[in-house]
Amino acid sequence: MLLEPCEAQEPSSSRDQVFGNLDTSTAIMPLESGVSIIICCHNSAQRLPTTLEHLRNQKVEGFPWEVILVDNGSTDNTARFAEELWFSQEAPVSLTIVSEPQLGLTFARRRGTQEARYNLLSFVDDDNWLAPDWVQSLFEVMSSHPEVGACGGYSRAEFGGNRPEWFGDFCYLYAVNGQNCLQGDVTDRRTLWGAGLTFRRSCLDQLEQEFGFKSVLCGRKGNRLSAGEDTEMCLALRLAGWKLWSEPRLSLVHFLPASRLNWQYLRRLAYGSAFATPGHDALFFALKPARKGVLALARRLRESWLWQTLFATAALMLHPIVLVRSLFSSGEGNPEIINTEFRKGRLMGLLASFAWYAQRRTEVGRMARTVTTKCDLAASS
């Protein structure tokens, strides 16, 4: 059985009732209604032409939008190339280019958010080709569902090389849907990946300013396949009472060059996604239904860094043959090799999180109590 490390856990019905009292319609920083497309780039000059061409071909009417390109420490003249390319023809909207020298997708996205003028922030990767009605459909969906804090859509792969036989089993690691895309409220069913992920700006402001939420994951960092920041933000939004939405009309093509279509790259993806999971743990724990007495004490023990680390170690050691095989052979096509990468990544991520794991639980617990207090005040007013 294939392990997927970033599956969301379902909250209790009692928690849904509590969050039903939370007013999620109040924006902390009112912004003009519109869409800000934010493209975070690291050495993206070769990938940008088709991506920008699809943005140029958007059919939009009735609201403003913009494109923001964040150059995240590129060394291939990405910024200059993008500017020349965008303005070589009549551009439908403005292109703003800013620089973020600190490597890391989270830092680049934060810089793009600071520059954005509109209330919907859409993070489009430099290899995402949007359908012509993508921006229009996004605005319509988010305008119709003010309770939604984040929205994702459908993505299919365009291969820059031969499609591997094993791709269908692991396409989710490439942010590709496969054959199906859910429609509607997916808050209790899954999280959303970052390719074409849209946040409501007021939600992000609320997380930071009202609830004191800070991300501990930096996302992709140069050529390092670190991950998990999208799941982290989706879980934080759930904890604050916002909904997650999936919309098949938000269709994009995710271009995958030949250099990513190999088994070793997939193994690195699996390891990187699992390495990030300790950054999700405190949020997962806070979303569980409350316990009292002995059950609460038992849960606190199971949620400790030591328990989680021992459990992760046992999970890895229970499959010694596969572990040894993963060290000395590629095992291409074998799902147990990918499961082993998940287990290794989880364990190494936990070891790396020792200094902050307990503090993170404290911070998220404080956030959860603040949210509950706000819910109680809203219910009594």
Protein backbone atom coordinates (compact mmCIF):
# COMPACT_ATOMS: atom_id res chain seq x y z
CA MET A 1 0.00 0.00 0.00
CA LEU A 2 1.42 3.39 -0.98
CA LEU A 3 1.87 5.88 1.84
CA GLU A 4 0.92 9.51 1.14
CA PRO A 5 2.40 11.63 3.92
CA CYS A 6 0.30 14.77 3.49
CA GLU A 7 -3.25 13.49 3.85
CA ALA A 8 -5.54 15.70 5.93
CA GLN A 9 -7.34 14.29 8.96
CA GLU A 10 -11.05 14.82 9.38
CA PRO A 11 -12.12 17.10 12.23
CA SER A 12 -14.95 16.12 14.56
CA SER A 13 -18.48 17.29 13.94
CA SER A 14 -18.39 19.19 17.22
CA ARG A 15 -15.44 21.19 15.96
CA ASP A 16 -17.35 22.05 12.77
CA GLN A 17 -20.18 23.35 14.94
CA VAL A 18 -17.76 25.56 16.85
CA PHE A 19 -16.26 26.96 13.66
CA GLY A 20 -19.72 27.55 12.28
CA ASN A 21 -19.93 30.50 14.67
CA LEU A 22 -16.73 32.10 13.40
CA ASP A 23 -17.17 35.15 11.20
CA THR A 24 -14.75 34.51 8.35
CA SER A 25 -16.06 37.31 6.20
CA THR A 26 -14.19 40.14 7.89
CA ALA A 27 -10.99 41.17 6.13
CA ILE A 28 -8.24 42.68 8.24
CA MET A 29 -6.73 44.54 5.30
CA PRO A 30 -9.42 45.39 2.74
CA LEU A 31 -7.91 45.29 -0.74
CA GLU A 32 -9.36 45.95 -4.14
CA SER A 33 -11.29 43.01 -5.52
CA GLY A 34 -9.23 41.30 -8.20
CA VAL A 35 -6.59 38.65 -8.86
CA SER A 36 -2.82 38.85 -8.34
CA ILE A 37 -0.95 36.11 -10.21
CA ILE A 38 2.37 35.51 -8.45
CA ILE A 39 5.11 33.51 -10.21
CA CYS A 40 8.10 32.60 -8.05
CA CYS A 41 11.19 31.91 -10.17
CA HIS A 42 14.62 30.44 -9.62
CA ASN A 43 16.63 30.22 -12.85
CA SER A 44 13.42 30.07 -14.88
CA ALA A 45 14.43 31.74 -18.15
CA GLN A 46 13.99 28.57 -20.22
CA ARG A 47 10.61 27.69 -18.68
CA LEU A 48 8.95 31.11 -18.75
CA PRO A 49 8.07 31.69 -22.43
CA THR A 50 5.15 29.24 -22.56
CA THR A 51 4.01 30.11 -19.04
CA LEU A 52 3.85 33.83 -19.83
CA GLU A 53 2.20 33.16 -23.18
CA HIS A 54 -0.66 31.34 -21.47
CA LEU A 55 -1.06 34.26 -19.08
CA ARG A 56 -1.09 36.67 -22.00
CA ASN A 57 -3.96 34.65 -23.53
CA GLN A 58 -6.26 34.91 -20.51
CA LYS A 59 -9.84 36.01 -21.26
CA VAL A 60 -10.79 38.29 -18.38
CA GLU A 61 -13.57 40.81 -17.99
CA GLY A 62 -15.28 42.58 -15.10
CA PHE A 63 -12.38 42.84 -12.64
CA PRO A 64 -8.71 43.86 -12.53
CA TRP A 65 -5.78 41.49 -12.37
CA GLU A 66 -2.00 41.63 -12.48
CA VAL A 67 1.08 39.46 -12.84
CA ILE A 68 3.92 39.60 -10.32
CA LEU A 69 7.19 37.79 -10.96
CA VAL A 70 9.48 37.17 -8.00
CA ASP A 71 13.09 36.49 -8.93
CA ASN A 72 14.32 34.22 -6.12
CA GLY A 73 18.10 34.34 -6.41
CA SER A 74 18.30 33.50 -10.12
CA THR A 75 21.63 33.55 -11.95
CA ASP A 76 20.31 33.22 -15.53
CA ASN A 77 18.86 36.73 -16.05
CA THR A 78 15.34 35.47 -15.40
CA ALA A 79 14.02 38.95 -14.54
CA ARG A 80 15.40 40.69 -17.63
CA PHE A 81 14.28 37.86 -19.90
CA ALA A 82 10.74 37.93 -18.47
CA GLU A 83 10.47 41.70 -18.90
CA GLU A 84 11.61 41.59 -22.51
CA LEU A 85 9.30 38.70 -23.28
CA TRP A 86 6.20 40.22 -21.65
CA PHE A 87 6.53 43.62 -23.26
CA SER A 88 7.59 42.35 -26.69
CA GLN A 89 3.87 42.37 -27.55
CA GLU A 90 0.89 44.28 -26.25
CA ALA A 91 0.39 43.07 -22.68
CA PRO A 92 -3.12 42.54 -21.25
CA VAL A 93 -2.08 43.63 -17.75
CA SER A 94 0.96 44.95 -15.94
CA LEU A 95 3.94 42.78 -15.07
CA THR A 96 5.71 43.69 -11.85
CA ILE A 97 9.14 42.16 -11.28
CA VAL A 98 10.62 42.09 -7.79
CA SER A 99 13.64 40.39 -6.27
CA GLU A 100 13.85 38.12 -3.21
CA PRO A 101 17.48 37.17 -2.59
CA GLN A 102 16.73 34.76 0.30
CA LEU A 103 16.29 31.34 -1.30
CA GLY A 104 13.08 29.51 -0.46
CA LEU A 105 9.62 29.35 -1.98
CA THR A 106 7.98 30.64 1.19
CA PHE A 107 10.21 33.73 1.19
CA ALA A 108 9.50 34.36 -2.49
CA ARG A 109 5.76 34.01 -2.00
CA ARG A 110 5.85 36.38 0.96
CA ARG A 111 7.65 38.95 -1.19
CA GLY A 112 5.07 38.56 -3.93
CA THR A 113 2.24 38.91 -1.42
CA GLN A 114 3.71 42.18 -0.16
CA GLU A 115 3.67 43.53 -3.70
CA ALA A 116 0.14 42.35 -4.57
CA ARG A 117 -2.65 44.89 -5.05
CA TYR A 118 -5.64 42.55 -5.05
CA ASN A 119 -7.48 40.35 -2.58
CA LEU A 120 -6.95 37.01 -4.35
CA LEU A 121 -3.38 35.68 -4.44
CA SER A 122 -2.77 32.95 -7.02
CA PHE A 123 0.59 31.20 -6.90
CA VAL A 124 1.47 29.85 -10.33
CA ASP A 125 4.69 27.93 -10.85
CA ASP A 126 7.04 28.80 -13.68
CA ASP A 127 6.08 25.56 -15.47
CA ASN A 128 2.29 25.92 -15.15
CA TRP A 129 0.31 26.69 -18.31
CA LEU A 130 -3.11 28.09 -17.40
CA ALA A 131 -6.26 27.45 -19.43
CA PRO A 132 -7.58 30.64 -21.12
CA ASP A 133 -10.49 30.99 -18.66
CA TRP A 134 -8.45 30.19 -15.54
CA VAL A 135 -8.32 33.69 -14.04
CA GLN A 136 -11.96 34.39 -14.87
CA SER A 137 -13.13 31.09 -13.35
CA LEU A 138 -11.06 31.64 -10.24
CA PHE A 139 -12.59 35.05 -9.59
CA GLU A 140 -16.09 33.67 -10.08
CA VAL A 141 -15.54 30.73 -7.70
CA MET A 142 -13.97 32.79 -4.92
CA SER A 143 -16.59 35.53 -5.25
CA SER A 144 -19.38 32.94 -4.93
CA HIS A 145 -17.86 31.29 -1.85
CA PRO A 146 -16.68 33.86 0.70
CA GLU A 147 -16.18 31.08 3.27
CA VAL A 148 -13.33 29.62 1.18
CA GLY A 149 -9.82 30.53 2.25
CA ALA A 150 -7.90 28.54 -0.37
CA CYS A 151 -8.79 27.10 -3.76
CA GLY A 152 -7.05 24.63 -6.06
CA GLY A 153 -7.91 22.98 -9.34
CA TYR A 154 -7.07 20.37 -11.93
CA SER A 155 -3.64 19.81 -13.39
CA ARG A 156 -2.44 17.39 -16.01
CA ALA A 157 1.09 16.61 -17.06
CA GLU A 158 2.85 17.59 -20.26
CA PHE A 159 5.93 15.45 -20.65
CA GLY A 160 9.21 16.82 -21.94
CA GLY A 161 10.47 13.26 -22.30
CA ASN A 162 9.13 9.72 -22.24
CA ARG A 163 6.33 9.13 -19.74
CA PRO A 164 7.60 6.61 -17.15
CA GLU A 165 5.49 3.50 -16.67
CA TRP A 166 5.23 4.20 -12.95
CA PHE A 167 4.08 7.81 -13.33
CA GLY A 168 0.36 7.16 -12.82
CA ASP A 169 0.97 5.64 -9.39
CA PHE A 170 3.00 8.61 -8.16
CA CYS A 171 1.59 11.55 -10.14
CA TYR A 172 0.42 13.30 -6.94
CA LEU A 173 4.07 13.88 -6.02
CA TYR A 174 4.34 15.96 -9.20
CA ALA A 175 1.19 17.98 -8.33
CA VAL A 176 -0.76 16.21 -11.08
CA ASN A 177 -4.32 14.99 -10.53
CA GLY A 178 -4.30 11.87 -12.63
CA GLN A 179 -7.79 11.06 -13.89
CA ASN A 180 -9.94 12.78 -11.27
CA CYS A 181 -10.40 16.18 -9.70
CA LEU A 182 -12.87 16.71 -6.88
CA GLN A 183 -15.30 19.61 -7.09
CA GLY A 184 -16.52 21.62 -4.14
CA ASP A 185 -15.66 21.76 -0.46
CA VAL A 186 -12.72 19.42 0.26
CA THR A 187 -11.87 20.79 3.71
CA ASP A 188 -12.38 17.44 5.47
CA ARG A 189 -11.00 15.30 2.66
CA ARG A 190 -7.64 16.62 1.53
CA THR A 191 -5.22 19.52 1.37
CA LEU A 192 -4.31 21.44 -1.80
CA TRP A 193 -0.97 21.50 -3.59
CA GLY A 194 0.85 24.65 -4.60
CA ALA A 195 0.56 24.52 -8.39
CA GLY A 196 -2.17 27.06 -9.10
CA LEU A 197 -3.06 27.47 -5.41
CA THR A 198 -5.04 30.60 -4.54
CA PHE A 199 -5.39 32.19 -1.09
CA ARG A 200 -7.74 34.88 0.04
CA ARG A 201 -5.49 37.68 1.28
CA SER A 202 -7.70 38.44 4.30
CA CYS A 203 -7.22 34.84 5.48
CA LEU A 204 -3.44 35.10 5.44
CA ASP A 205 -3.61 38.44 7.23
CA GLN A 206 -5.92 36.94 9.85
CA LEU A 207 -3.61 33.98 10.44
CA GLU A 208 -0.64 36.24 11.04
CA GLN A 209 -2.16 39.29 12.73
CA GLU A 210 -5.00 37.83 14.79
CA PHE A 211 -3.76 34.32 15.51
CA GLY A 212 0.02 34.85 15.41
CA PHE A 213 0.65 32.03 12.94
CA LYS A 214 4.16 31.72 11.51
CA SER A 215 5.24 29.18 8.92
CA VAL A 216 8.14 26.89 9.83
CA LEU A 217 8.59 25.47 6.32
CA CYS A 218 10.40 27.29 3.53
CA GLY A 219 9.33 25.16 0.53
CA ARG A 220 11.62 24.61 -2.44
CA LYS A 221 15.01 26.18 -1.88
CA GLY A 222 17.08 26.49 -5.03
CA ASN A 223 17.61 22.93 -6.26
CA ARG A 224 16.63 21.33 -2.95
CA LEU A 225 13.34 19.42 -3.15
CA SER A 226 12.03 20.57 0.21
CA ALA A 227 8.26 20.81 0.36
CA GLY A 228 5.18 20.93 2.58
CA GLU A 229 4.53 24.67 2.88
CA ASP A 230 1.25 24.38 0.95
CA THR A 231 -0.10 21.69 3.26
CA GLU A 232 1.04 23.73 6.26
CA MET A 233 -0.94 26.78 5.12
CA CYS A 234 -4.03 24.71 4.27
CA LEU A 235 -4.00 23.11 7.72
CA ALA A 236 -3.62 26.53 9.36
CA LEU A 237 -6.60 27.83 7.40
CA ARG A 238 -8.67 24.84 8.52
CA LEU A 239 -7.70 25.48 12.10
CA ALA A 240 -8.84 29.09 11.73
CA GLY A 241 -12.21 27.93 10.38
CA TRP A 242 -11.81 28.58 6.67
CA LYS A 243 -12.82 26.15 3.94
CA LEU A 244 -10.73 24.55 1.18
CA TRP A 245 -12.24 24.31 -2.29
CA SER A 246 -11.37 22.25 -5.37
CA GLU A 247 -12.57 23.44 -8.79
CA PRO A 248 -11.99 21.43 -12.00
CA ARG A 249 -12.57 24.54 -14.13
CA LEU A 250 -9.23 25.80 -12.84
CA SER A 251 -7.35 23.68 -15.32
CA LEU A 252 -3.63 23.93 -15.96
CA VAL A 253 -0.89 21.94 -17.64
CA HIS A 254 2.15 21.12 -15.52
CA PHE A 255 5.17 20.81 -17.79
CA LEU A 256 7.62 18.14 -16.64
CA PRO A 257 11.05 18.20 -18.32
CA ALA A 258 12.90 14.98 -18.98
CA SER A 259 15.27 15.69 -16.07
CA ARG A 260 12.38 15.16 -13.62
CA LEU A 261 11.03 12.00 -15.21
CA ASN A 262 13.40 9.57 -13.60
CA TRP A 263 13.17 7.28 -10.59
CA GLN A 264 15.91 8.99 -8.57
CA TYR A 265 14.14 12.34 -8.86
CA LEU A 266 10.89 10.72 -7.72
CA ARG A 267 12.66 9.23 -4.71
CA ARG A 268 13.98 12.67 -3.81
CA LEU A 269 10.46 14.09 -4.13
CA ALA A 270 9.09 11.45 -1.77
CA TYR A 271 11.87 11.99 0.75
CA GLY A 272 11.46 15.78 0.63
CA SER A 273 7.69 15.66 1.11
CA ALA A 274 8.02 13.37 4.14
CA PHE A 275 10.90 15.38 5.60
CA ALA A 276 8.48 18.31 5.89
CA THR A 277 5.75 16.42 7.78
CA PRO A 278 6.98 17.28 11.31
CA GLY A 279 6.10 20.87 10.39
CA HIS A 280 2.48 19.71 9.93
CA ASP A 281 2.19 17.64 13.09
CA ALA A 282 1.15 20.36 15.54
CA LEU A 283 -1.60 21.49 13.15
CA PHE A 284 -2.87 17.94 12.64
CA PHE A 285 -2.89 17.42 16.40
CA ALA A 286 -4.81 20.66 17.02
CA LEU A 287 -7.50 19.63 14.50
CA LYS A 288 -8.33 16.45 16.42
CA PRO A 289 -11.38 16.36 18.72
CA ALA A 290 -10.62 17.30 22.31
CA ARG A 291 -9.96 14.64 24.95
CA LYS A 292 -10.10 14.77 28.73
CA GLY A 293 -8.45 13.00 31.65
CA VAL A 294 -6.38 9.91 30.94
CA LEU A 295 -7.19 10.05 27.23
CA ALA A 296 -5.79 13.58 27.06
CA LEU A 297 -2.60 12.50 28.83
CA ALA A 298 -2.21 9.51 26.51
CA ARG A 299 -2.64 11.72 23.49
CA ARG A 300 -0.09 14.21 24.78
CA LEU A 301 2.40 11.37 25.11
CA ARG A 302 1.70 10.09 21.58
CA GLU A 303 2.10 13.60 20.20
CA SER A 304 5.49 14.17 21.81
CA TRP A 305 8.65 14.38 19.72
CA LEU A 306 10.10 11.28 21.42
CA TRP A 307 7.06 9.12 20.73
CA GLN A 308 6.80 10.26 17.12
CA THR A 309 10.50 9.66 16.55
CA LEU A 310 10.42 6.18 18.10
CA PHE A 311 7.37 5.33 16.02
CA ALA A 312 9.05 6.58 12.83
CA THR A 313 12.17 4.57 13.64
CA ALA A 314 10.12 1.43 14.21
CA ALA A 315 8.21 1.96 10.96
CA LEU A 316 11.51 2.13 9.07
CA MET A 317 13.10 -0.84 10.84
CA LEU A 318 10.06 -3.06 10.28
CA HIS A 319 11.05 -3.30 6.62
CA PRO A 320 14.80 -4.07 6.77
CA ILE A 321 15.02 -5.87 3.44
CA VAL A 322 13.43 -3.01 1.52
CA LEU A 323 15.57 -0.51 3.45
CA VAL A 324 18.79 -2.30 2.49
CA ARG A 325 17.59 -2.68 -1.08
CA SER A 326 16.86 1.07 -1.26
CA LEU A 327 20.45 1.81 -0.24
CA PHE A 328 22.08 -0.33 -2.91
CA SER A 329 19.69 -0.40 -5.86
CA SER A 330 17.17 1.89 -7.54
CA GLY A 331 14.23 -0.52 -7.28
CA GLU A 332 12.54 1.33 -10.12
CA GLY A 333 8.79 0.87 -10.20
CA ASN A 334 8.61 -0.71 -6.74
CA PRO A 335 6.18 1.29 -4.54
CA GLU A 336 7.84 -0.06 -1.39
CA ILE A 337 10.99 1.84 -2.33
CA ILE A 338 8.97 5.06 -2.37
CA ASN A 339 7.34 4.09 0.93
CA THR A 340 10.84 3.65 2.33
CA GLU A 341 11.78 7.15 1.14
CA PHE A 342 8.70 8.45 2.95
CA ARG A 343 9.74 6.63 6.12
CA LYS A 344 13.34 7.83 5.88
CA GLY A 345 12.24 11.38 5.17
CA ARG A 346 9.82 11.35 8.11
CA LEU A 347 12.47 10.10 10.52
CA MET A 348 15.16 12.51 9.35
CA GLY A 349 12.69 15.39 9.44
CA LEU A 350 11.83 14.55 13.03
CA LEU A 351 15.50 14.42 14.01
CA ALA A 352 16.01 17.81 12.37
CA SER A 353 12.97 19.24 14.20
CA PHE A 354 14.15 18.37 17.73
CA ALA A 355 14.98 21.99 18.63
CA TRP A 356 11.56 23.40 17.74
CA TYR A 357 9.03 20.54 17.72
CA ALA A 358 7.68 21.06 21.25
CA GLN A 359 7.64 24.84 20.89
CA ARG A 360 5.65 24.48 17.67
CA ARG A 361 3.01 22.46 19.49
CA THR A 362 2.79 25.20 22.12
CA GLU A 363 2.42 27.95 19.50
CA VAL A 364 -0.25 26.12 17.53
CA GLY A 365 -2.08 25.20 20.72
CA ARG A 366 -2.16 28.88 21.62
CA MET A 367 -3.53 29.69 18.18
CA ALA A 368 -6.25 27.03 18.54
CA ARG A 369 -7.31 28.49 21.90
CA THR A 370 -7.46 31.99 20.38
CA VAL A 371 -9.67 30.71 17.57
CA THR A 372 -11.97 28.94 20.04
CA THR A 373 -12.24 32.08 22.16
CA LYS A 374 -13.21 34.11 19.12
CA CYS A 375 -15.81 31.47 18.21
CA ASP A 376 -17.29 31.60 21.72
CA LEU A 377 -17.48 35.40 21.63
CA ALA A 378 -19.17 35.29 18.23
CA ALA A 379 -21.67 32.70 19.49
CA SER A 380 -22.59 34.75 22.57
CA SER A 381 -23.00 38.05 20.75
